[in-house]
Amino acid sequence: MPLLRVEGEVEKKLDLSFEDLSGLPGQIADVAALIPGREGGGVRLESILRKAGPAPAAKFITLKAGDGSFAASVPLEQVAGGIVCYRLGNAALPAQKGGPVRFFLDPAATCENPALDGCANVKFLSSIRLSKEPGEDTRPSTKRAHAD
């Protein structure tokens, strides 16, 4: 069963399992080294995007929670350095940590662009969609439930 789907303006739609994610280059053993107070290991979003092959028209990325109640749509260039956290030790990231997949913004990106808020840090991430235009946006009623 895939943990993460990548679709939209890509050359190759992906359904990534735990094993697929762990086999990608750009692994981060401990996200706490980059994002204090966070826990787990992951892979750079750039590695996933290289595998999917973004189409030249892809300008936005929508990060969507598995239950469909939350999505953040942001310019792709602003989050390409983000981290897709999918493990804690050698096991899947537990739901208590926002798993089985969680997205964290690159801390440098938020410092360089104050307009990019923490709502793009998405818990329970299940799909990534690349698009020409902004996709789904966050609904205020669920904003705090799935992002932080």
Protein backbone atom coordinates (compact mmCIF):
# COMPACT_ATOMS: atom_id res chain seq x y z
CA MET A 1 0.00 0.00 0.00
CA PRO A 2 1.47 3.36 -0.95
CA LEU A 3 2.25 5.92 1.73
CA LEU A 4 2.52 8.82 -0.66
CA ARG A 5 1.12 9.57 -4.12
CA VAL A 6 2.73 12.12 -6.46
CA GLU A 7 0.62 13.24 -9.41
CA GLY A 8 -0.49 16.12 -11.59
CA GLU A 9 2.01 17.97 -13.79
CA VAL A 10 4.65 15.21 -13.63
CA GLU A 11 6.23 12.96 -16.23
CA LYS A 12 5.63 9.92 -14.04
CA LYS A 13 2.89 9.48 -11.44
CA LEU A 14 4.30 7.81 -8.33
CA ASP A 15 2.83 5.66 -5.57
CA LEU A 16 5.64 5.48 -3.03
CA SER A 17 5.90 2.86 -0.29
CA PHE A 18 8.10 3.03 2.82
CA GLU A 19 10.74 1.06 0.91
CA ASP A 20 10.53 3.38 -2.11
CA LEU A 21 11.01 6.43 0.08
CA SER A 22 13.92 4.87 1.96
CA GLY A 23 15.65 4.03 -1.34
CA LEU A 24 15.73 7.61 -2.61
CA PRO A 25 18.84 9.80 -2.40
CA GLY A 26 18.73 12.81 -0.09
CA GLN A 27 17.96 10.91 3.11
CA ILE A 28 17.94 12.81 6.39
CA ALA A 29 18.68 10.56 9.34
CA ASP A 30 17.38 12.97 11.99
CA VAL A 31 15.17 15.95 11.14
CA ALA A 32 15.92 17.40 14.60
CA ALA A 33 19.36 18.38 13.31
CA LEU A 34 17.63 20.76 10.88
CA ILE A 35 14.35 21.45 12.69
CA PRO A 36 14.80 21.53 16.47
CA GLY A 37 11.97 19.95 18.40
CA ARG A 38 10.95 17.61 15.58
CA GLU A 39 11.60 13.90 15.45
CA GLY A 40 12.06 11.32 12.73
CA GLY A 41 13.89 10.69 9.50
CA GLY A 42 13.00 11.49 5.96
CA VAL A 43 14.00 12.48 2.49
CA ARG A 44 14.26 15.82 0.72
CA LEU A 45 11.23 16.70 -1.41
CA GLU A 46 13.68 17.45 -4.25
CA SER A 47 14.56 13.73 -4.45
CA ILE A 48 10.91 12.76 -4.83
CA LEU A 49 10.36 15.45 -7.45
CA ARG A 50 13.40 14.31 -9.45
CA LYS A 51 11.94 10.80 -9.58
CA ALA A 52 8.52 12.07 -10.70
CA GLY A 53 9.94 14.57 -13.21
CA PRO A 54 7.99 17.81 -12.84
CA ALA A 55 6.59 19.11 -16.11
CA PRO A 56 7.87 22.54 -17.17
CA ALA A 57 4.38 23.95 -16.52
CA ALA A 58 4.42 22.86 -12.84
CA LYS A 59 4.54 26.02 -10.73
CA PHE A 60 2.52 25.05 -7.64
CA ILE A 61 2.43 22.14 -5.25
CA THR A 62 -0.56 21.01 -3.22
CA LEU A 63 0.21 18.95 -0.12
CA LYS A 64 -2.90 17.07 0.99
CA ALA A 65 -3.71 15.22 4.21
CA GLY A 66 -4.95 11.65 3.90
CA ASP A 67 -8.40 12.33 5.31
CA GLY A 68 -9.00 15.10 2.76
CA SER A 69 -9.71 17.72 5.42
CA PHE A 70 -6.57 19.78 4.83
CA ALA A 71 -4.48 20.88 1.87
CA ALA A 72 -1.85 23.58 1.44
CA SER A 73 -1.10 24.94 -2.01
CA VAL A 74 2.10 26.96 -2.38
CA PRO A 75 4.57 27.95 -5.10
CA LEU A 76 6.76 24.95 -5.87
CA GLU A 77 10.01 26.92 -5.92
CA GLN A 78 9.44 27.99 -2.31
CA VAL A 79 9.17 24.46 -0.87
CA ALA A 80 11.42 22.29 -3.05
CA GLY A 81 13.95 22.04 -0.19
CA GLY A 82 11.32 20.69 2.20
CA ILE A 83 11.55 17.39 4.02
CA VAL A 84 9.17 14.45 3.70
CA CYS A 85 9.41 12.72 7.07
CA TYR A 86 8.26 9.10 6.92
CA ARG A 87 10.09 7.12 9.61
CA LEU A 88 10.98 7.02 13.26
CA GLY A 89 14.00 4.76 13.61
CA ASN A 90 13.42 1.86 11.22
CA ALA A 91 9.62 1.95 11.45
CA ALA A 92 6.94 4.13 9.89
CA LEU A 93 6.35 7.54 11.45
CA PRO A 94 3.49 7.05 13.94
CA ALA A 95 0.25 9.01 13.77
CA GLN A 96 1.14 10.72 17.07
CA LYS A 97 4.02 12.37 15.18
CA GLY A 98 1.83 13.29 12.18
CA GLY A 99 2.60 10.11 10.22
CA PRO A 100 2.75 7.93 8.39
CA VAL A 101 4.10 10.81 6.26
CA ARG A 102 4.62 14.40 7.31
CA PHE A 103 5.95 17.39 5.39
CA PHE A 104 8.23 20.01 6.93
CA LEU A 105 9.24 23.24 5.26
CA ASP A 106 12.95 23.85 4.91
CA PRO A 107 13.70 26.20 7.84
CA ALA A 108 15.86 28.36 5.56
CA ALA A 109 12.90 28.88 3.19
CA THR A 110 10.69 30.28 5.95
CA CYS A 111 13.44 32.66 7.05
CA GLU A 112 14.01 33.87 3.48
CA ASN A 113 10.29 34.21 2.75
CA PRO A 114 8.23 35.41 5.72
CA ALA A 115 5.05 35.14 3.59
CA LEU A 116 5.48 31.35 3.58
CA ASP A 117 3.76 30.31 6.78
CA GLY A 118 3.90 27.14 8.81
CA CYS A 119 0.60 25.91 7.38
CA ALA A 120 2.62 24.22 4.65
CA ASN A 121 3.99 21.89 7.37
CA VAL A 122 1.41 19.16 6.73
CA LYS A 123 0.63 16.23 9.04
CA PHE A 124 -0.81 12.98 7.70
CA LEU A 125 0.42 13.79 4.18
CA SER A 126 -0.89 11.34 1.57
CA SER A 127 -0.60 13.15 -1.75
CA ILE A 128 1.46 15.72 -3.57
CA ARG A 129 -0.02 17.30 -6.68
CA LEU A 130 1.94 19.56 -8.99
CA SER A 131 -0.06 22.05 -11.04
CA LYS A 132 0.08 25.11 -13.26
CA GLU A 133 -2.14 27.12 -10.91
CA PRO A 134 -2.73 27.05 -7.15
CA GLY A 135 -4.75 24.03 -6.07
CA GLU A 136 -6.81 23.46 -2.98
CA ASP A 137 -6.23 25.90 -0.20
CA THR A 138 -6.51 25.37 3.52
CA ARG A 139 -9.88 25.63 5.15
CA PRO A 140 -9.73 27.77 8.30
CA SER A 141 -11.66 25.20 10.33
CA THR A 142 -8.97 22.55 9.81
CA LYS A 143 -5.89 24.73 9.58
CA ARG A 144 -4.63 24.00 13.09
CA ALA A 145 -5.60 20.34 13.08
CA HIS A 146 -3.16 19.27 10.37
CA ALA A 147 -0.45 21.90 10.21
CA ASP A 148 2.15 23.14 12.64
